[in-house]
Structures are given as structure tokens and as C-alpha cells.
Amino acid sequence: MLRVRSPQDIGAAAVLMLIGLAGVYFGRDLNFGSSARMGPGFFPTILSWLILAIGALIGVKAFMFDGPPIRSTRLRPIFFVCAAILLFGAAIEYIGLALTAILVTFVAAAGNERTRWGETAILSVILAVFSVSIFIYGLGQPMPAFWAR
């Protein structure tokens, strides 16, 4: 009799296989084409089948090797990460990318009970400098670096 030895792997396999099946299903109406003349459905279909195969391999692994049990869901990290994402969308036009990156880093860090706020401050400044350098100056994205004037 088969016994699930790694519940986390079986859960991951189910999620990956659902994503792969959804990709194959929704991409079925797109023209596949061939390797020489790829259609719009070529890459999504191949990628979906690969995701499905990886999910199947992880599912097989779940029956062969011991793994950790599934832990209970913690709502605090989920809440703060979702709040940080929503805050990013709401704040970027008003206070700019640099200040938004700093603010969002602190909000997301609040999701962990053991956050070291000094390290979070250093990380937030590094992320702000990096984000402004890459997206505004490097890629020329049309967003304010600092608060809107």
C-alpha cells in the first residue's frame, strides 16, 4: 500500500500539477506551430507540460522519501505581505519609488515576530537605492523617484 511520506511534497505536487493543467487547458486554443515556426501557443504549452511533469516527479518523491509535515497556516505574515503589496500600489504615485520601497520593506518585515529593525532599515535603504537605480535611471521607467511635485 502506498503511503505519503512527505505531505509538503504532495501538496506542492498538487499545486504544480493544477497550474500545469490550467496552462494546457487555457492554451489549447492557441496555434502551437512547430519548432521552426512557433505559434503563440508554443511556449506556454511547452512550459505548462514541463510544470506538470515537475509536479508529477515531486508527487512520486512524496511517496519515496520522508519529509516534514505540513505546518499550520500563520496569518500574520500573509496579512503584512499583502498589505505591503497594496501599499506599494497606493503610495508609489504620491511618495515615489524610493520612499515607497523603504515603507513597503518595513511593512513586510512586520510580518515576522523576530524582525531586527536595524537590519530592516539598512535593507530598506539598499532596496530603495537599487530600485531607483535600476528602474528609473537604468530602464527609464516613468515614475517619480521621490514624492510627486
C-alpha atoms as a PDB file:
ATOM      1  CA  MET A   1       0.000   0.000   0.000  1.00  0.00           C
ATOM      2  CA  LEU A   2       1.250   3.453  -0.865  1.00  0.00           C
ATOM      3  CA  ARG A   3       1.828   5.834   1.992  1.00  0.00           C
ATOM      4  CA  VAL A   4       2.508   9.567   1.693  1.00  0.00           C
ATOM      5  CA  ARG A   5       5.854  10.069   3.395  1.00  0.00           C
ATOM      6  CA  SER A   6       6.214  13.782   2.652  1.00  0.00           C
ATOM      7  CA  PRO A   7       2.965  15.751   2.977  1.00  0.00           C
ATOM      8  CA  GLN A   8       4.621  19.023   1.904  1.00  0.00           C
ATOM      9  CA  ASP A   9       5.806  17.430  -1.332  1.00  0.00           C
ATOM     10  CA  ILE A  10       2.377  16.009  -2.131  1.00  0.00           C
ATOM     11  CA  GLY A  11       0.854  19.459  -1.584  1.00  0.00           C
ATOM     12  CA  ALA A  12       3.461  21.105  -3.810  1.00  0.00           C
ATOM     13  CA  ALA A  13       2.907  18.437  -6.457  1.00  0.00           C
ATOM     14  CA  ALA A  14      -0.845  19.059  -6.437  1.00  0.00           C
ATOM     15  CA  VAL A  15      -0.381  22.817  -6.833  1.00  0.00           C
ATOM     16  CA  LEU A  16       2.164  22.453  -9.649  1.00  0.00           C
ATOM     17  CA  MET A  17       0.034  19.913 -11.468  1.00  0.00           C
ATOM     18  CA  LEU A  18      -3.020  22.170 -11.212  1.00  0.00           C
ATOM     19  CA  ILE A  19      -1.026  25.094 -12.614  1.00  0.00           C
ATOM     20  CA  GLY A  20       0.296  22.901 -15.432  1.00  0.00           C
ATOM     21  CA  LEU A  21      -3.151  21.551 -16.271  1.00  0.00           C
ATOM     22  CA  ALA A  22      -4.630  25.059 -16.247  1.00  0.00           C
ATOM     23  CA  GLY A  23      -1.894  26.235 -18.638  1.00  0.00           C
ATOM     24  CA  VAL A  24      -2.513  23.336 -21.015  1.00  0.00           C
ATOM     25  CA  TYR A  25      -6.277  23.867 -20.837  1.00  0.00           C
ATOM     26  CA  PHE A  26      -6.246  27.632 -21.410  1.00  0.00           C
ATOM     27  CA  GLY A  27      -3.570  27.410 -24.100  1.00  0.00           C
ATOM     28  CA  ARG A  28      -5.356  24.738 -26.133  1.00  0.00           C
ATOM     29  CA  ASP A  29      -6.983  27.272 -28.477  1.00  0.00           C
ATOM     30  CA  LEU A  30      -3.692  28.978 -29.329  1.00  0.00           C
ATOM     31  CA  ASN A  31      -1.869  27.993 -32.501  1.00  0.00           C
ATOM     32  CA  PHE A  32       1.016  25.714 -31.471  1.00  0.00           C
ATOM     33  CA  GLY A  33       3.066  25.890 -34.656  1.00  0.00           C
ATOM     34  CA  SER A  34       6.348  23.992 -34.919  1.00  0.00           C
ATOM     35  CA  SER A  35       9.915  24.358 -33.693  1.00  0.00           C
ATOM     36  CA  ALA A  36      10.816  26.248 -36.859  1.00  0.00           C
ATOM     37  CA  ARG A  37       7.724  28.473 -36.879  1.00  0.00           C
ATOM     38  CA  MET A  38       6.497  28.807 -33.317  1.00  0.00           C
ATOM     39  CA  GLY A  39       2.944  29.925 -32.791  1.00  0.00           C
ATOM     40  CA  PRO A  40       1.632  31.924 -29.839  1.00  0.00           C
ATOM     41  CA  GLY A  41       0.778  28.702 -28.008  1.00  0.00           C
ATOM     42  CA  PHE A  42       4.168  27.012 -28.382  1.00  0.00           C
ATOM     43  CA  PHE A  43       5.982  28.396 -25.335  1.00  0.00           C
ATOM     44  CA  PRO A  44       3.012  28.399 -22.903  1.00  0.00           C
ATOM     45  CA  THR A  45       2.105  24.829 -23.845  1.00  0.00           C
ATOM     46  CA  ILE A  46       5.659  23.503 -23.513  1.00  0.00           C
ATOM     47  CA  LEU A  47       6.105  25.364 -20.229  1.00  0.00           C
ATOM     48  CA  SER A  48       2.786  24.032 -18.897  1.00  0.00           C
ATOM     49  CA  TRP A  49       3.753  20.459 -19.737  1.00  0.00           C
ATOM     50  CA  LEU A  50       7.121  20.955 -18.012  1.00  0.00           C
ATOM     51  CA  ILE A  51       5.408  22.308 -14.881  1.00  0.00           C
ATOM     52  CA  LEU A  52       3.047  19.333 -14.973  1.00  0.00           C
ATOM     53  CA  ALA A  53       5.984  16.892 -15.287  1.00  0.00           C
ATOM     54  CA  ILE A  54       7.875  18.546 -12.418  1.00  0.00           C
ATOM     55  CA  GLY A  55       4.728  18.288 -10.289  1.00  0.00           C
ATOM     56  CA  ALA A  56       4.446  14.598 -11.127  1.00  0.00           C
ATOM     57  CA  LEU A  57       8.096  13.997 -10.196  1.00  0.00           C
ATOM     58  CA  ILE A  58       7.648  15.788  -6.875  1.00  0.00           C
ATOM     59  CA  GLY A  59       4.499  13.730  -6.298  1.00  0.00           C
ATOM     60  CA  VAL A  60       6.421  10.482  -6.863  1.00  0.00           C
ATOM     61  CA  LYS A  61       9.138  11.742  -4.499  1.00  0.00           C
ATOM     62  CA  ALA A  62       6.459  12.294  -1.823  1.00  0.00           C
ATOM     63  CA  PHE A  63       5.840   8.547  -1.723  1.00  0.00           C
ATOM     64  CA  MET A  64       9.523   7.576  -1.659  1.00  0.00           C
ATOM     65  CA  PHE A  65      11.260   9.881   0.848  1.00  0.00           C
ATOM     66  CA  ASP A  66      10.347  11.118   4.307  1.00  0.00           C
ATOM     67  CA  GLY A  67       9.663  14.808   4.652  1.00  0.00           C
ATOM     68  CA  PRO A  68       8.363  17.306   7.178  1.00  0.00           C
ATOM     69  CA  PRO A  69       4.652  17.538   7.974  1.00  0.00           C
ATOM     70  CA  ILE A  70       2.518  20.445   6.807  1.00  0.00           C
ATOM     71  CA  ARG A  71       2.553  23.169   9.431  1.00  0.00           C
ATOM     72  CA  SER A  72      -0.453  25.226  10.390  1.00  0.00           C
ATOM     73  CA  THR A  73      -1.067  28.428   8.453  1.00  0.00           C
ATOM     74  CA  ARG A  74       0.195  31.618  10.052  1.00  0.00           C
ATOM     75  CA  LEU A  75      -1.946  34.594   9.095  1.00  0.00           C
ATOM     76  CA  ARG A  76       0.339  37.411  10.305  1.00  0.00           C
ATOM     77  CA  PRO A  77       2.945  37.072   7.502  1.00  0.00           C
ATOM     78  CA  ILE A  78       0.240  36.700   4.865  1.00  0.00           C
ATOM     79  CA  PHE A  79      -1.544  39.820   6.105  1.00  0.00           C
ATOM     80  CA  PHE A  80       1.565  42.020   6.203  1.00  0.00           C
ATOM     81  CA  VAL A  81       2.913  40.901   2.824  1.00  0.00           C
ATOM     82  CA  CYS A  82      -0.490  41.528   1.189  1.00  0.00           C
ATOM     83  CA  ALA A  83      -0.687  44.905   2.954  1.00  0.00           C
ATOM     84  CA  ALA A  84       2.786  45.786   1.641  1.00  0.00           C
ATOM     85  CA  ILE A  85       1.759  44.938  -1.926  1.00  0.00           C
ATOM     86  CA  LEU A  86      -1.399  47.057  -1.688  1.00  0.00           C
ATOM     87  CA  LEU A  87       0.549  49.883  -0.060  1.00  0.00           C
ATOM     88  CA  PHE A  88       3.068  49.828  -2.907  1.00  0.00           C
ATOM     89  CA  GLY A  89       0.320  50.319  -5.474  1.00  0.00           C
ATOM     90  CA  ALA A  90      -1.306  53.093  -3.465  1.00  0.00           C
ATOM     91  CA  ALA A  91       1.831  55.018  -2.460  1.00  0.00           C
ATOM     92  CA  ILE A  92       4.184  54.957  -5.430  1.00  0.00           C
ATOM     93  CA  GLU A  93       2.493  57.799  -7.317  1.00  0.00           C
ATOM     94  CA  TYR A  94       2.465  60.056  -4.255  1.00  0.00           C
ATOM     95  CA  ILE A  95       5.772  59.478  -2.462  1.00  0.00           C
ATOM     96  CA  GLY A  96       7.880  57.983  -5.252  1.00  0.00           C
ATOM     97  CA  LEU A  97       9.729  54.720  -5.668  1.00  0.00           C
ATOM     98  CA  ALA A  98      12.497  55.329  -3.110  1.00  0.00           C
ATOM     99  CA  LEU A  99      10.250  56.174  -0.169  1.00  0.00           C
ATOM    100  CA  THR A 100       7.714  53.536  -1.179  1.00  0.00           C
ATOM    101  CA  ALA A 101      10.434  50.866  -1.219  1.00  0.00           C
ATOM    102  CA  ILE A 102      11.508  51.870   2.274  1.00  0.00           C
ATOM    103  CA  LEU A 103       7.940  51.926   3.596  1.00  0.00           C
ATOM    104  CA  VAL A 104       6.973  48.614   1.984  1.00  0.00           C
ATOM    105  CA  THR A 105      10.090  46.920   3.358  1.00  0.00           C
ATOM    106  CA  PHE A 106       9.143  47.919   6.901  1.00  0.00           C
ATOM    107  CA  VAL A 107       5.516  46.815   6.480  1.00  0.00           C
ATOM    108  CA  ALA A 108       6.521  43.420   5.057  1.00  0.00           C
ATOM    109  CA  ALA A 109       9.124  42.966   7.825  1.00  0.00           C
ATOM    110  CA  ALA A 110       6.395  43.463  10.429  1.00  0.00           C
ATOM    111  CA  GLY A 111       5.027  40.075   9.377  1.00  0.00           C
ATOM    112  CA  ASN A 112       7.840  38.368  11.294  1.00  0.00           C
ATOM    113  CA  GLU A 113       7.760  38.482  15.073  1.00  0.00           C
ATOM    114  CA  ARG A 114      11.571  38.341  15.271  1.00  0.00           C
ATOM    115  CA  THR A 115      12.332  41.208  12.893  1.00  0.00           C
ATOM    116  CA  ARG A 116      15.539  43.101  13.563  1.00  0.00           C
ATOM    117  CA  TRP A 117      14.554  46.672  12.802  1.00  0.00           C
ATOM    118  CA  GLY A 118      18.130  47.935  12.400  1.00  0.00           C
ATOM    119  CA  GLU A 119      18.808  45.360   9.699  1.00  0.00           C
ATOM    120  CA  THR A 120      15.443  46.157   8.137  1.00  0.00           C
ATOM    121  CA  ALA A 121      16.400  49.851   7.949  1.00  0.00           C
ATOM    122  CA  ILE A 122      19.675  49.024   6.206  1.00  0.00           C
ATOM    123  CA  LEU A 123      17.913  46.631   3.823  1.00  0.00           C
ATOM    124  CA  SER A 124      15.209  49.183   3.018  1.00  0.00           C
ATOM    125  CA  VAL A 125      17.767  51.844   2.048  1.00  0.00           C
ATOM    126  CA  ILE A 126      19.703  49.366  -0.107  1.00  0.00           C
ATOM    127  CA  LEU A 127      16.477  48.263  -1.824  1.00  0.00           C
ATOM    128  CA  ALA A 128      15.443  51.878  -2.413  1.00  0.00           C
ATOM    129  CA  VAL A 129      18.794  52.808  -3.989  1.00  0.00           C
ATOM    130  CA  PHE A 130      18.813  49.622  -6.061  1.00  0.00           C
ATOM    131  CA  SER A 131      15.202  50.069  -7.238  1.00  0.00           C
ATOM    132  CA  VAL A 132      15.674  53.707  -8.238  1.00  0.00           C
ATOM    133  CA  SER A 133      18.977  52.926  -9.975  1.00  0.00           C
ATOM    134  CA  ILE A 134      17.568  50.038 -11.988  1.00  0.00           C
ATOM    135  CA  PHE A 135      14.006  51.074 -12.790  1.00  0.00           C
ATOM    136  CA  ILE A 136      14.185  54.849 -13.072  1.00  0.00           C
ATOM    137  CA  TYR A 137      17.725  55.568 -14.226  1.00  0.00           C
ATOM    138  CA  GLY A 138      18.632  52.238 -15.845  1.00  0.00           C
ATOM    139  CA  LEU A 139      15.369  51.338 -17.570  1.00  0.00           C
ATOM    140  CA  GLY A 140      13.870  54.825 -17.742  1.00  0.00           C
ATOM    141  CA  GLN A 141      10.514  53.870 -16.242  1.00  0.00           C
ATOM    142  CA  PRO A 142       8.145  56.841 -15.998  1.00  0.00           C
ATOM    143  CA  MET A 143       7.664  57.008 -12.231  1.00  0.00           C
ATOM    144  CA  PRO A 144       8.848  59.505  -9.668  1.00  0.00           C
ATOM    145  CA  ALA A 145      11.973  58.646  -7.699  1.00  0.00           C
ATOM    146  CA  PHE A 146      10.765  60.741  -4.759  1.00  0.00           C
ATOM    147  CA  TRP A 147       7.479  62.396  -3.827  1.00  0.00           C
ATOM    148  CA  ALA A 148       5.470  63.900  -6.655  1.00  0.00           C
ATOM    149  CA  ARG A 149       5.969  67.594  -7.129  1.00  0.00           C
END
